[in-house]
């Protein structure tokens, strides 16, 4: 899409999204970030922020043809993306506590219990 729209910011965002997603999932030493709840939260939040910022950068510089300006809507979108990412990072593992426990993946739901995380 970044190439199709001739947008370097969109291309860079998609590459960053791919790299962060790969480090989250791949089974190699020092990677497989799924096993650490803090790295999971970092991955989710960074992916949401990459999507939000790339869309704003692309919209301002390539669609509207003006220079990138850090606007209030941009800051608000980043703030909401961060809040959504934190909630998603905490809640996404609640249904899979048994599977995570069986594979030794420490999630907030396993460390603190389903009920406490869902409150």
PDB file of N, CA and C in Angstrom:
ATOM      1  N   UNK A   1       0.820  -1.193   0.000  1.00  0.00           N
ATOM      2  CA  UNK A   1       0.000   0.000   0.000  1.00  0.00           C
ATOM      3  C   UNK A   1       0.860   1.250   0.000  1.00  0.00           C
ATOM      4  N   UNK A   2       1.975   1.200   0.773  1.00  0.00           N
ATOM      5  CA  UNK A   2       2.859   2.358   0.801  1.00  0.00           C
ATOM      6  C   UNK A   2       3.435   2.656  -0.565  1.00  0.00           C
ATOM      7  N   UNK A   3       3.752   1.616  -1.316  1.00  0.00           N
ATOM      8  CA  UNK A   3       4.281   1.797  -2.671  1.00  0.00           C
ATOM      9  C   UNK A   3       3.165   2.233  -3.612  1.00  0.00           C
ATOM     10  N   UNK A   4       1.999   1.598  -3.479  1.00  0.00           N
ATOM     11  CA  UNK A   4       0.863   1.915  -4.345  1.00  0.00           C
ATOM     12  C   UNK A   4       0.448   3.384  -4.208  1.00  0.00           C
ATOM     13  N   UNK A   5       0.434   3.893  -2.969  1.00  0.00           N
ATOM     14  CA  UNK A   5       0.033   5.277  -2.730  1.00  0.00           C
ATOM     15  C   UNK A   5       1.202   6.250  -2.805  1.00  0.00           C
ATOM     16  N   UNK A   6       2.395   5.729  -3.108  1.00  0.00           N
ATOM     17  CA  UNK A   6       3.592   6.560  -3.181  1.00  0.00           C
ATOM     18  C   UNK A   6       3.789   7.353  -1.890  1.00  0.00           C
ATOM     19  N   UNK A   7       3.656   6.655  -0.762  1.00  0.00           N
ATOM     20  CA  UNK A   7       3.743   7.277   0.552  1.00  0.00           C
ATOM     21  C   UNK A   7       4.860   6.631   1.362  1.00  0.00           C
ATOM     22  N   UNK A   8       6.009   7.301   1.503  1.00  0.00           N
ATOM     23  CA  UNK A   8       7.087   6.732   2.313  1.00  0.00           C
ATOM     24  C   UNK A   8       6.679   6.507   3.759  1.00  0.00           C
ATOM     25  N   UNK A   9       5.868   7.396   4.335  1.00  0.00           N
ATOM     26  CA  UNK A   9       5.458   7.215   5.729  1.00  0.00           C
ATOM     27  C   UNK A   9       4.607   5.963   5.891  1.00  0.00           C
ATOM     28  N   UNK A  10       3.717   5.706   4.957  1.00  0.00           N
ATOM     29  CA  UNK A  10       2.895   4.510   5.041  1.00  0.00           C
ATOM     30  C   UNK A  10       3.744   3.255   4.850  1.00  0.00           C
ATOM     31  N   UNK A  11       4.676   3.285   3.924  1.00  0.00           N
ATOM     32  CA  UNK A  11       5.562   2.145   3.699  1.00  0.00           C
ATOM     33  C   UNK A  11       6.405   1.878   4.947  1.00  0.00           C
ATOM     34  N   UNK A  12       6.998   2.919   5.528  1.00  0.00           N
ATOM     35  CA  UNK A  12       7.804   2.756   6.741  1.00  0.00           C
ATOM     36  C   UNK A  12       6.963   2.229   7.898  1.00  0.00           C
ATOM     37  N   UNK A  13       5.739   2.733   8.024  1.00  0.00           N
ATOM     38  CA  UNK A  13       4.848   2.257   9.087  1.00  0.00           C
ATOM     39  C   UNK A  13       4.502   0.789   8.929  1.00  0.00           C
ATOM     40  N   UNK A  14       4.249   0.368   7.704  1.00  0.00           N
ATOM     41  CA  UNK A  14       3.928  -1.040   7.454  1.00  0.00           C
ATOM     42  C   UNK A  14       5.128  -1.944   7.716  1.00  0.00           C
ATOM     43  N   UNK A  15       6.320  -1.487   7.364  1.00  0.00           N
ATOM     44  CA  UNK A  15       7.530  -2.264   7.651  1.00  0.00           C
ATOM     45  C   UNK A  15       7.736  -2.355   9.162  1.00  0.00           C
ATOM     46  N   UNK A  16       7.572  -1.244   9.872  1.00  0.00           N
ATOM     47  CA  UNK A  16       7.714  -1.264  11.334  1.00  0.00           C
ATOM     48  C   UNK A  16       6.674  -2.183  11.963  1.00  0.00           C
ATOM     49  N   UNK A  17       5.458  -2.126  11.468  1.00  0.00           N
ATOM     50  CA  UNK A  17       4.383  -2.983  11.967  1.00  0.00           C
ATOM     51  C   UNK A  17       4.747  -4.457  11.772  1.00  0.00           C
ATOM     52  N   UNK A  18       5.272  -4.795  10.596  1.00  0.00           N
ATOM     53  CA  UNK A  18       5.688  -6.160  10.306  1.00  0.00           C
ATOM     54  C   UNK A  18       6.812  -6.605  11.238  1.00  0.00           C
ATOM     55  N   UNK A  19       7.818  -5.749  11.440  1.00  0.00           N
ATOM     56  CA  UNK A  19       8.954  -6.119  12.290  1.00  0.00           C
ATOM     57  C   UNK A  19       8.543  -6.315  13.742  1.00  0.00           C
ATOM     58  N   UNK A  20       7.725  -5.415  14.268  1.00  0.00           N
ATOM     59  CA  UNK A  20       7.273  -5.551  15.654  1.00  0.00           C
ATOM     60  C   UNK A  20       6.386  -6.784  15.801  1.00  0.00           C
ATOM     61  N   UNK A  21       5.503  -7.015  14.850  1.00  0.00           N
ATOM     62  CA  UNK A  21       4.645  -8.205  14.893  1.00  0.00           C
ATOM     63  C   UNK A  21       5.437  -9.491  14.801  1.00  0.00           C
ATOM     64  N   UNK A  22       6.508  -9.485  14.027  1.00  0.00           N
ATOM     65  CA  UNK A  22       7.350 -10.667  13.906  1.00  0.00           C
ATOM     66  C   UNK A  22       8.082 -10.951  15.209  1.00  0.00           C
ATOM     67  N   UNK A  23       8.629  -9.919  15.831  1.00  0.00           N
ATOM     68  CA  UNK A  23       9.333 -10.145  17.099  1.00  0.00           C
ATOM     69  C   UNK A  23       8.382 -10.644  18.177  1.00  0.00           C
ATOM     70  N   UNK A  24       7.138 -10.291  18.065  1.00  0.00           N
ATOM     71  CA  UNK A  24       6.138 -10.752  19.026  1.00  0.00           C
ATOM     72  C   UNK A  24       5.868 -12.247  18.875  1.00  0.00           C
ATOM     73  N   UNK A  25       5.904 -12.753  17.658  1.00  0.00           N
ATOM     74  CA  UNK A  25       5.423 -14.106  17.389  1.00  0.00           C
ATOM     75  C   UNK A  25       6.491 -15.148  17.123  1.00  0.00           C
ATOM     76  N   UNK A  26       7.635 -14.760  16.593  1.00  0.00           N
ATOM     77  CA  UNK A  26       8.607 -15.742  16.117  1.00  0.00           C
ATOM     78  C   UNK A  26       9.279 -16.463  17.299  1.00  0.00           C
ATOM     79  N   UNK A  27       9.586 -17.720  17.107  1.00  0.00           N
ATOM     80  CA  UNK A  27      10.166 -18.560  18.151  1.00  0.00           C
ATOM     81  C   UNK A  27      11.688 -18.603  17.982  1.00  0.00           C
ATOM     82  N   UNK A  28      12.369 -17.533  18.401  1.00  0.00           N
ATOM     83  CA  UNK A  28      13.820 -17.443  18.368  1.00  0.00           C
ATOM     84  C   UNK A  28      14.311 -16.895  19.710  1.00  0.00           C
ATOM     85  N   UNK A  29      15.571 -17.159  20.071  1.00  0.00           N
ATOM     86  CA  UNK A  29      16.086 -16.604  21.334  1.00  0.00           C
ATOM     87  C   UNK A  29      15.960 -15.085  21.361  1.00  0.00           C
ATOM     88  N   UNK A  30      15.608 -14.564  22.499  1.00  0.00           N
ATOM     89  CA  UNK A  30      15.396 -13.134  22.762  1.00  0.00           C
ATOM     90  C   UNK A  30      14.189 -12.552  22.045  1.00  0.00           C
ATOM     91  N   UNK A  31      13.488 -13.358  21.297  1.00  0.00           N
ATOM     92  CA  UNK A  31      12.265 -12.876  20.669  1.00  0.00           C
ATOM     93  C   UNK A  31      11.112 -13.597  21.373  1.00  0.00           C
ATOM     94  N   UNK A  32      10.072 -13.952  20.680  1.00  0.00           N
ATOM     95  CA  UNK A  32       8.881 -14.588  21.282  1.00  0.00           C
ATOM     96  C   UNK A  32       8.409 -13.767  22.487  1.00  0.00           C
ATOM     97  N   UNK A  33       8.133 -12.504  22.213  1.00  0.00           N
ATOM     98  CA  UNK A  33       7.767 -11.565  23.264  1.00  0.00           C
ATOM     99  C   UNK A  33       6.428 -11.894  23.907  1.00  0.00           C
ATOM    100  N   UNK A  34       5.693 -12.845  23.356  1.00  0.00           N
ATOM    101  CA  UNK A  34       4.396 -13.243  23.906  1.00  0.00           C
ATOM    102  C   UNK A  34       4.495 -13.706  25.352  1.00  0.00           C
ATOM    103  N   UNK A  35       5.660 -14.189  25.737  1.00  0.00           N
ATOM    104  CA  UNK A  35       5.820 -14.782  27.062  1.00  0.00           C
ATOM    105  C   UNK A  35       5.979 -13.751  28.169  1.00  0.00           C
ATOM    106  N   UNK A  36       6.163 -12.491  27.827  1.00  0.00           N
ATOM    107  CA  UNK A  36       6.347 -11.448  28.834  1.00  0.00           C
ATOM    108  C   UNK A  36       5.207 -10.437  28.729  1.00  0.00           C
ATOM    109  N   UNK A  37       4.406 -10.294  29.783  1.00  0.00           N
ATOM    110  CA  UNK A  37       3.234  -9.410  29.689  1.00  0.00           C
ATOM    111  C   UNK A  37       3.586  -7.946  29.428  1.00  0.00           C
ATOM    112  N   UNK A  38       4.734  -7.494  29.884  1.00  0.00           N
ATOM    113  CA  UNK A  38       5.111  -6.099  29.646  1.00  0.00           C
ATOM    114  C   UNK A  38       5.505  -5.883  28.186  1.00  0.00           C
ATOM    115  N   UNK A  39       6.178  -6.871  27.597  1.00  0.00           N
ATOM    116  CA  UNK A  39       6.513  -6.763  26.177  1.00  0.00           C
ATOM    117  C   UNK A  39       5.269  -6.882  25.307  1.00  0.00           C
ATOM    118  N   UNK A  40       4.310  -7.688  25.740  1.00  0.00           N
ATOM    119  CA  UNK A  40       3.042  -7.792  25.015  1.00  0.00           C
ATOM    120  C   UNK A  40       2.345  -6.431  24.997  1.00  0.00           C
ATOM    121  N   UNK A  41       2.293  -5.790  26.154  1.00  0.00           N
ATOM    122  CA  UNK A  41       1.668  -4.467  26.225  1.00  0.00           C
ATOM    123  C   UNK A  41       2.413  -3.482  25.332  1.00  0.00           C
ATOM    124  N   UNK A  42       3.751  -3.541  25.341  1.00  0.00           N
ATOM    125  CA  UNK A  42       4.548  -2.670  24.485  1.00  0.00           C
ATOM    126  C   UNK A  42       4.243  -2.900  23.009  1.00  0.00           C
ATOM    127  N   UNK A  43       4.144  -4.163  22.617  1.00  0.00           N
ATOM    128  CA  UNK A  43       3.875  -4.489  21.213  1.00  0.00           C
ATOM    129  C   UNK A  43       2.507  -3.971  20.794  1.00  0.00           C
ATOM    130  N   UNK A  44       1.501  -4.244  21.594  1.00  0.00           N
ATOM    131  CA  UNK A  44       0.140  -3.821  21.244  1.00  0.00           C
ATOM    132  C   UNK A  44       0.054  -2.299  21.154  1.00  0.00           C
ATOM    133  N   UNK A  45       0.589  -1.614  22.147  1.00  0.00           N
ATOM    134  CA  UNK A  45       0.520  -0.148  22.154  1.00  0.00           C
ATOM    135  C   UNK A  45       1.329   0.424  20.992  1.00  0.00           C
ATOM    136  N   UNK A  46       2.526  -0.111  20.768  1.00  0.00           N
ATOM    137  CA  UNK A  46       3.343   0.433  19.675  1.00  0.00           C
ATOM    138  C   UNK A  46       2.688   0.188  18.324  1.00  0.00           C
ATOM    139  N   UNK A  47       2.052  -0.964  18.144  1.00  0.00           N
ATOM    140  CA  UNK A  47       1.375  -1.222  16.875  1.00  0.00           C
ATOM    141  C   UNK A  47       0.206  -0.267  16.666  1.00  0.00           C
ATOM    142  N   UNK A  48      -0.552  -0.025  17.710  1.00  0.00           N
ATOM    143  CA  UNK A  48      -1.657   0.926  17.580  1.00  0.00           C
ATOM    144  C   UNK A  48      -1.137   2.332  17.312  1.00  0.00           C
ATOM    145  N   UNK A  49      -0.048   2.708  17.975  1.00  0.00           N
ATOM    146  CA  UNK A  49       0.507   4.035  17.755  1.00  0.00           C
ATOM    147  C   UNK A  49       1.108   4.158  16.360  1.00  0.00           C
ATOM    148  N   UNK A  50       1.716   3.080  15.864  1.00  0.00           N
ATOM    149  CA  UNK A  50       2.249   3.115  14.494  1.00  0.00           C
ATOM    150  C   UNK A  50       1.111   3.336  13.503  1.00  0.00           C
ATOM    151  N   UNK A  51       0.016   2.600  13.699  1.00  0.00           N
ATOM    152  CA  UNK A  51      -1.123   2.753  12.800  1.00  0.00           C
ATOM    153  C   UNK A  51      -1.677   4.176  12.874  1.00  0.00           C
ATOM    154  N   UNK A  52      -1.861   4.678  14.088  1.00  0.00           N
ATOM    155  CA  UNK A  52      -2.434   6.013  14.254  1.00  0.00           C
ATOM    156  C   UNK A  52      -1.518   7.080  13.670  1.00  0.00           C
ATOM    157  N   UNK A  53      -0.226   7.002  13.986  1.00  0.00           N
ATOM    158  CA  UNK A  53       0.656   8.050  13.484  1.00  0.00           C
ATOM    159  C   UNK A  53       0.855   7.977  11.983  1.00  0.00           C
ATOM    160  N   UNK A  54       0.963   6.778  11.452  1.00  0.00           N
ATOM    161  CA  UNK A  54       1.134   6.660   9.997  1.00  0.00           C
ATOM    162  C   UNK A  54      -0.080   7.215   9.273  1.00  0.00           C
ATOM    163  N   UNK A  55      -1.269   6.942   9.794  1.00  0.00           N
ATOM    164  CA  UNK A  55      -2.461   7.453   9.125  1.00  0.00           C
ATOM    165  C   UNK A  55      -2.503   8.979   9.161  1.00  0.00           C
ATOM    166  N   UNK A  56      -2.103   9.577  10.286  1.00  0.00           N
ATOM    167  CA  UNK A  56      -2.094  11.036  10.353  1.00  0.00           C
ATOM    168  C   UNK A  56      -1.013  11.630   9.469  1.00  0.00           C
ATOM    169  N   UNK A  57       0.186  11.024   9.496  1.00  0.00           N
ATOM    170  CA  UNK A  57       1.269  11.543   8.672  1.00  0.00           C
ATOM    171  C   UNK A  57       0.897  11.431   7.194  1.00  0.00           C
ATOM    172  N   UNK A  58       0.367  10.273   6.815  1.00  0.00           N
ATOM    173  CA  UNK A  58      -0.033  10.079   5.426  1.00  0.00           C
ATOM    174  C   UNK A  58      -1.124  11.074   5.039  1.00  0.00           C
ATOM    175  N   UNK A  59      -2.101  11.231   5.928  1.00  0.00           N
ATOM    176  CA  UNK A  59      -3.206  12.145   5.622  1.00  0.00           C
ATOM    177  C   UNK A  59      -2.754  13.577   5.472  1.00  0.00           C
ATOM    178  N   UNK A  60      -1.885  14.033   6.371  1.00  0.00           N
ATOM    179  CA  UNK A  60      -1.458  15.432   6.322  1.00  0.00           C
ATOM    180  C   UNK A  60      -0.499  15.710   5.177  1.00  0.00           C
ATOM    181  N   UNK A  61       0.478  14.837   4.992  1.00  0.00           N
ATOM    182  CA  UNK A  61       1.523  15.168   4.026  1.00  0.00           C
ATOM    183  C   UNK A  61       1.193  14.751   2.604  1.00  0.00           C
ATOM    184  N   UNK A  62       0.503  13.628   2.436  1.00  0.00           N
ATOM    185  CA  UNK A  62       0.288  13.121   1.084  1.00  0.00           C
ATOM    186  C   UNK A  62      -1.118  13.380   0.554  1.00  0.00           C
ATOM    187  N   UNK A  63      -2.115  13.310   1.419  1.00  0.00           N
ATOM    188  CA  UNK A  63      -3.480  13.536   0.951  1.00  0.00           C
ATOM    189  C   UNK A  63      -3.795  15.031   0.916  1.00  0.00           C
ATOM    190  N   UNK A  64      -3.503  15.725   2.028  1.00  0.00           N
ATOM    191  CA  UNK A  64      -3.795  17.152   2.090  1.00  0.00           C
ATOM    192  C   UNK A  64      -2.674  18.010   1.521  1.00  0.00           C
ATOM    193  N   UNK A  65      -1.485  17.432   1.360  1.00  0.00           N
ATOM    194  CA  UNK A  65      -0.366  18.159   0.771  1.00  0.00           C
ATOM    195  C   UNK A  65       0.196  19.256   1.641  1.00  0.00           C
ATOM    196  N   UNK A  66       0.145  19.105   2.939  1.00  0.00           N
ATOM    197  CA  UNK A  66       0.723  20.123   3.819  1.00  0.00           C
ATOM    198  C   UNK A  66       1.755  19.475   4.744  1.00  0.00           C
ATOM    199  N   UNK A  67       2.596  20.264   5.359  1.00  0.00           N
ATOM    200  CA  UNK A  67       3.618  19.681   6.236  1.00  0.00           C
ATOM    201  C   UNK A  67       2.995  19.077   7.496  1.00  0.00           C
ATOM    202  N   UNK A  68       3.700  18.115   8.057  1.00  0.00           N
ATOM    203  CA  UNK A  68       3.223  17.452   9.270  1.00  0.00           C
ATOM    204  C   UNK A  68       3.249  18.419  10.442  1.00  0.00           C
ATOM    205  N   UNK A  69       2.115  18.541  11.101  1.00  0.00           N
ATOM    206  CA  UNK A  69       1.991  19.389  12.274  1.00  0.00           C
ATOM    207  C   UNK A  69       1.390  18.541  13.383  1.00  0.00           C
ATOM    208  N   UNK A  70       1.949  18.654  14.575  1.00  0.00           N
ATOM    209  CA  UNK A  70       1.440  17.903  15.724  1.00  0.00           C
ATOM    210  C   UNK A  70       0.195  18.625  16.240  1.00  0.00           C
ATOM    211  N   UNK A  71      -0.967  18.175  15.784  1.00  0.00           N
ATOM    212  CA  UNK A  71      -2.229  18.852  16.101  1.00  0.00           C
ATOM    213  C   UNK A  71      -2.899  18.221  17.316  1.00  0.00           C
ATOM    214  N   UNK A  72      -3.903  18.882  17.819  1.00  0.00           N
ATOM    215  CA  UNK A  72      -4.671  18.325  18.944  1.00  0.00           C
ATOM    216  C   UNK A  72      -5.371  17.015  18.575  1.00  0.00           C
ATOM    217  N   UNK A  73      -5.986  16.913  17.390  1.00  0.00           N
ATOM    218  CA  UNK A  73      -6.584  15.623  17.033  1.00  0.00           C
ATOM    219  C   UNK A  73      -5.551  14.488  16.962  1.00  0.00           C
ATOM    220  N   UNK A  74      -4.349  14.810  16.505  1.00  0.00           N
ATOM    221  CA  UNK A  74      -3.285  13.811  16.451  1.00  0.00           C
ATOM    222  C   UNK A  74      -2.917  13.367  17.867  1.00  0.00           C
ATOM    223  N   UNK A  75      -2.722  14.319  18.772  1.00  0.00           N
ATOM    224  CA  UNK A  75      -2.395  13.988  20.161  1.00  0.00           C
ATOM    225  C   UNK A  75      -3.535  13.199  20.810  1.00  0.00           C
ATOM    226  N   UNK A  76      -4.763  13.594  20.535  1.00  0.00           N
ATOM    227  CA  UNK A  76      -5.915  12.894  21.096  1.00  0.00           C
ATOM    228  C   UNK A  76      -5.993  11.457  20.587  1.00  0.00           C
ATOM    229  N   UNK A  77      -5.727  11.263  19.300  1.00  0.00           N
ATOM    230  CA  UNK A  77      -5.738   9.915  18.729  1.00  0.00           C
ATOM    231  C   UNK A  77      -4.648   9.048  19.346  1.00  0.00           C
ATOM    232  N   UNK A  78      -3.462   9.602  19.529  1.00  0.00           N
ATOM    233  CA  UNK A  78      -2.387   8.843  20.166  1.00  0.00           C
ATOM    234  C   UNK A  78      -2.743   8.490  21.603  1.00  0.00           C
ATOM    235  N   UNK A  79      -3.351   9.425  22.320  1.00  0.00           N
ATOM    236  CA  UNK A  79      -3.769   9.176  23.696  1.00  0.00           C
ATOM    237  C   UNK A  79      -4.815   8.057  23.759  1.00  0.00           C
ATOM    238  N   UNK A  80      -5.835   8.137  22.911  1.00  0.00           N
ATOM    239  CA  UNK A  80      -6.863   7.094  22.900  1.00  0.00           C
ATOM    240  C   UNK A  80      -6.295   5.745  22.461  1.00  0.00           C
ATOM    241  N   UNK A  81      -5.382   5.752  21.510  1.00  0.00           N
ATOM    242  CA  UNK A  81      -4.753   4.508  21.077  1.00  0.00           C
ATOM    243  C   UNK A  81      -3.960   3.876  22.215  1.00  0.00           C
ATOM    244  N   UNK A  82      -3.295   4.696  22.996  1.00  0.00           N
ATOM    245  CA  UNK A  82      -2.544   4.181  24.141  1.00  0.00           C
ATOM    246  C   UNK A  82      -3.476   3.568  25.175  1.00  0.00           C
ATOM    247  N   UNK A  83      -4.562   4.249  25.496  1.00  0.00           N
ATOM    248  CA  UNK A  83      -5.531   3.697  26.460  1.00  0.00           C
ATOM    249  C   UNK A  83      -6.142   2.393  25.945  1.00  0.00           C
ATOM    250  N   UNK A  84      -6.518   2.377  24.687  1.00  0.00           N
ATOM    251  CA  UNK A  84      -7.081   1.173  24.095  1.00  0.00           C
ATOM    252  C   UNK A  84      -6.058   0.041  24.098  1.00  0.00           C
ATOM    253  N   UNK A  85      -4.818   0.349  23.805  1.00  0.00           N
ATOM    254  CA  UNK A  85      -3.759  -0.657  23.813  1.00  0.00           C
ATOM    255  C   UNK A  85      -3.531  -1.256  25.183  1.00  0.00           C
ATOM    256  N   UNK A  86      -3.564  -0.424  26.212  1.00  0.00           N
ATOM    257  CA  UNK A  86      -3.395  -0.927  27.580  1.00  0.00           C
ATOM    258  C   UNK A  86      -4.551  -1.848  27.937  1.00  0.00           C
ATOM    259  N   UNK A  87      -5.774  -1.430  27.643  1.00  0.00           N
ATOM    260  CA  UNK A  87      -6.937  -2.275  27.935  1.00  0.00           C
ATOM    261  C   UNK A  87      -6.872  -3.585  27.151  1.00  0.00           C
ATOM    262  N   UNK A  88      -6.514  -3.514  25.900  1.00  0.00           N
ATOM    263  CA  UNK A  88      -6.408  -4.713  25.072  1.00  0.00           C
ATOM    264  C   UNK A  88      -5.321  -5.647  25.589  1.00  0.00           C
ATOM    265  N   UNK A  89      -4.176  -5.096  25.978  1.00  0.00           N
ATOM    266  CA  UNK A  89      -3.079  -5.919  26.496  1.00  0.00           C
ATOM    267  C   UNK A  89      -3.490  -6.654  27.769  1.00  0.00           C
ATOM    268  N   UNK A  90      -4.279  -6.012  28.605  1.00  0.00           N
ATOM    269  CA  UNK A  90      -4.722  -6.647  29.846  1.00  0.00           C
ATOM    270  C   UNK A  90      -5.817  -7.679  29.613  1.00  0.00           C
ATOM    271  N   UNK A  91      -6.726  -7.395  28.695  1.00  0.00           N
ATOM    272  CA  UNK A  91      -7.919  -8.230  28.547  1.00  0.00           C
ATOM    273  C   UNK A  91      -7.788  -9.375  27.540  1.00  0.00           C
ATOM    274  N   UNK A  92      -6.838  -9.305  26.627  1.00  0.00           N
ATOM    275  CA  UNK A  92      -6.805 -10.269  25.526  1.00  0.00           C
ATOM    276  C   UNK A  92      -6.525 -11.701  25.960  1.00  0.00           C
ATOM    277  N   UNK A  93      -5.879 -11.893  27.092  1.00  0.00           N
ATOM    278  CA  UNK A  93      -5.500 -13.236  27.517  1.00  0.00           C
ATOM    279  C   UNK A  93      -6.480 -13.871  28.506  1.00  0.00           C
ATOM    280  N   UNK A  94      -7.504 -13.167  28.892  1.00  0.00           N
ATOM    281  CA  UNK A  94      -8.461 -13.717  29.856  1.00  0.00           C
ATOM    282  C   UNK A  94      -9.092 -15.017  29.359  1.00  0.00           C
ATOM    283  N   UNK A  95      -9.531 -15.120  28.104  1.00  0.00           N
ATOM    284  CA  UNK A  95     -10.150 -16.379  27.662  1.00  0.00           C
ATOM    285  C   UNK A  95      -9.177 -17.550  27.536  1.00  0.00           C
ATOM    286  N   UNK A  96      -7.886 -17.287  27.463  1.00  0.00           N
ATOM    287  CA  UNK A  96      -6.917 -18.349  27.178  1.00  0.00           C
ATOM    288  C   UNK A  96      -5.978 -18.642  28.349  1.00  0.00           C
ATOM    289  N   UNK A  97      -6.459 -18.508  29.563  1.00  0.00           N
ATOM    290  CA  UNK A  97      -5.612 -18.732  30.734  1.00  0.00           C
ATOM    291  C   UNK A  97      -5.107 -20.173  30.779  1.00  0.00           C
ATOM    292  N   UNK A  98      -5.956 -21.138  30.485  1.00  0.00           N
ATOM    293  CA  UNK A  98      -5.534 -22.543  30.553  1.00  0.00           C
ATOM    294  C   UNK A  98      -4.431 -22.846  29.541  1.00  0.00           C
ATOM    295  N   UNK A  99      -4.571 -22.373  28.328  1.00  0.00           N
ATOM    296  CA  UNK A  99      -3.550 -22.605  27.302  1.00  0.00           C
ATOM    297  C   UNK A  99      -2.242 -21.902  27.627  1.00  0.00           C
ATOM    298  N   UNK A 100      -2.322 -20.658  28.111  1.00  0.00           N
ATOM    299  CA  UNK A 100      -1.103 -19.942  28.479  1.00  0.00           C
ATOM    300  C   UNK A 100      -0.394 -20.630  29.642  1.00  0.00           C
ATOM    301  N   UNK A 101      -1.150 -21.081  30.609  1.00  0.00           N
ATOM    302  CA  UNK A 101      -0.556 -21.784  31.751  1.00  0.00           C
ATOM    303  C   UNK A 101       0.118 -23.079  31.287  1.00  0.00           C
ATOM    304  N   UNK A 102      -0.517 -23.814  30.388  1.00  0.00           N
ATOM    305  CA  UNK A 102       0.039 -25.081  29.894  1.00  0.00           C
ATOM    306  C   UNK A 102       1.351 -24.864  29.136  1.00  0.00           C
ATOM    307  N   UNK A 103       1.491 -23.733  28.430  1.00  0.00           N
ATOM    308  CA  UNK A 103       2.702 -23.464  27.664  1.00  0.00           C
ATOM    309  C   UNK A 103       3.690 -22.567  28.397  1.00  0.00           C
ATOM    310  N   UNK A 104       3.412 -22.265  29.666  1.00  0.00           N
ATOM    311  CA  UNK A 104       4.348 -21.482  30.464  1.00  0.00           C
ATOM    312  C   UNK A 104       4.441 -20.018  30.096  1.00  0.00           C
ATOM    313  N   UNK A 105       3.377 -19.472  29.530  1.00  0.00           N
ATOM    314  CA  UNK A 105       3.365 -18.056  29.159  1.00  0.00           C
ATOM    315  C   UNK A 105       2.764 -17.272  30.323  1.00  0.00           C
ATOM    316  N   UNK A 106       3.549 -16.375  30.884  1.00  0.00           N
ATOM    317  CA  UNK A 106       3.096 -15.573  32.016  1.00  0.00           C
ATOM    318  C   UNK A 106       2.335 -14.354  31.512  1.00  0.00           C
ATOM    319  N   UNK A 107       1.048 -14.334  31.755  1.00  0.00           N
ATOM    320  CA  UNK A 107       0.225 -13.187  31.381  1.00  0.00           C
ATOM    321  C   UNK A 107      -0.295 -12.537  32.652  1.00  0.00           C
ATOM    322  N   UNK A 108      -0.847 -11.343  32.526  1.00  0.00           N
ATOM    323  CA  UNK A 108      -1.436 -10.681  33.683  1.00  0.00           C
ATOM    324  C   UNK A 108      -2.574 -11.524  34.255  1.00  0.00           C
ATOM    325  N   UNK A 109      -3.311 -12.198  33.389  1.00  0.00           N
ATOM    326  CA  UNK A 109      -4.434 -13.020  33.840  1.00  0.00           C
ATOM    327  C   UNK A 109      -3.960 -14.198  34.679  1.00  0.00           C
ATOM    328  N   UNK A 110      -2.824 -14.759  34.357  1.00  0.00           N
ATOM    329  CA  UNK A 110      -2.284 -15.869  35.145  1.00  0.00           C
ATOM    330  C   UNK A 110      -1.672 -15.345  36.442  1.00  0.00           C
ATOM    331  N   UNK A 111      -0.945 -14.236  36.365  1.00  0.00           N
ATOM    332  CA  UNK A 111      -0.270 -13.702  37.557  1.00  0.00           C
ATOM    333  C   UNK A 111      -1.256 -13.147  38.577  1.00  0.00           C
ATOM    334  N   UNK A 112      -2.340 -12.541  38.123  1.00  0.00           N
ATOM    335  CA  UNK A 112      -3.249 -11.862  39.044  1.00  0.00           C
ATOM    336  C   UNK A 112      -4.653 -12.452  39.096  1.00  0.00           C
ATOM    337  N   UNK A 113      -4.953 -13.386  38.208  1.00  0.00           N
ATOM    338  CA  UNK A 113      -6.264 -13.987  38.186  1.00  0.00           C
ATOM    339  C   UNK A 113      -7.216 -13.281  37.222  1.00  0.00           C
ATOM    340  N   UNK A 114      -8.117 -14.071  36.637  1.00  0.00           N
ATOM    341  CA  UNK A 114      -9.071 -13.533  35.655  1.00  0.00           C
ATOM    342  C   UNK A 114      -9.929 -12.414  36.253  1.00  0.00           C
ATOM    343  N   UNK A 115     -10.441 -12.676  37.434  1.00  0.00           N
ATOM    344  CA  UNK A 115     -11.384 -11.727  38.041  1.00  0.00           C
ATOM    345  C   UNK A 115     -10.730 -10.365  38.302  1.00  0.00           C
ATOM    346  N   UNK A 116      -9.522 -10.366  38.841  1.00  0.00           N
ATOM    347  CA  UNK A 116      -8.857  -9.114  39.162  1.00  0.00           C
ATOM    348  C   UNK A 116      -8.499  -8.333  37.894  1.00  0.00           C
ATOM    349  N   UNK A 117      -8.076  -9.016  36.848  1.00  0.00           N
ATOM    350  CA  UNK A 117      -7.708  -8.338  35.608  1.00  0.00           C
ATOM    351  C   UNK A 117      -8.941  -7.777  34.916  1.00  0.00           C
ATOM    352  N   UNK A 118     -10.049  -8.459  34.996  1.00  0.00           N
ATOM    353  CA  UNK A 118     -11.250  -8.005  34.293  1.00  0.00           C
ATOM    354  C   UNK A 118     -11.986  -6.874  34.994  1.00  0.00           C
ATOM    355  N   UNK A 119     -11.603  -6.541  36.201  1.00  0.00           N
ATOM    356  CA  UNK A 119     -12.273  -5.424  36.911  1.00  0.00           C
ATOM    357  C   UNK A 119     -11.763  -4.098  36.478  1.00  0.00           C
TER     358      UNK A 119
END
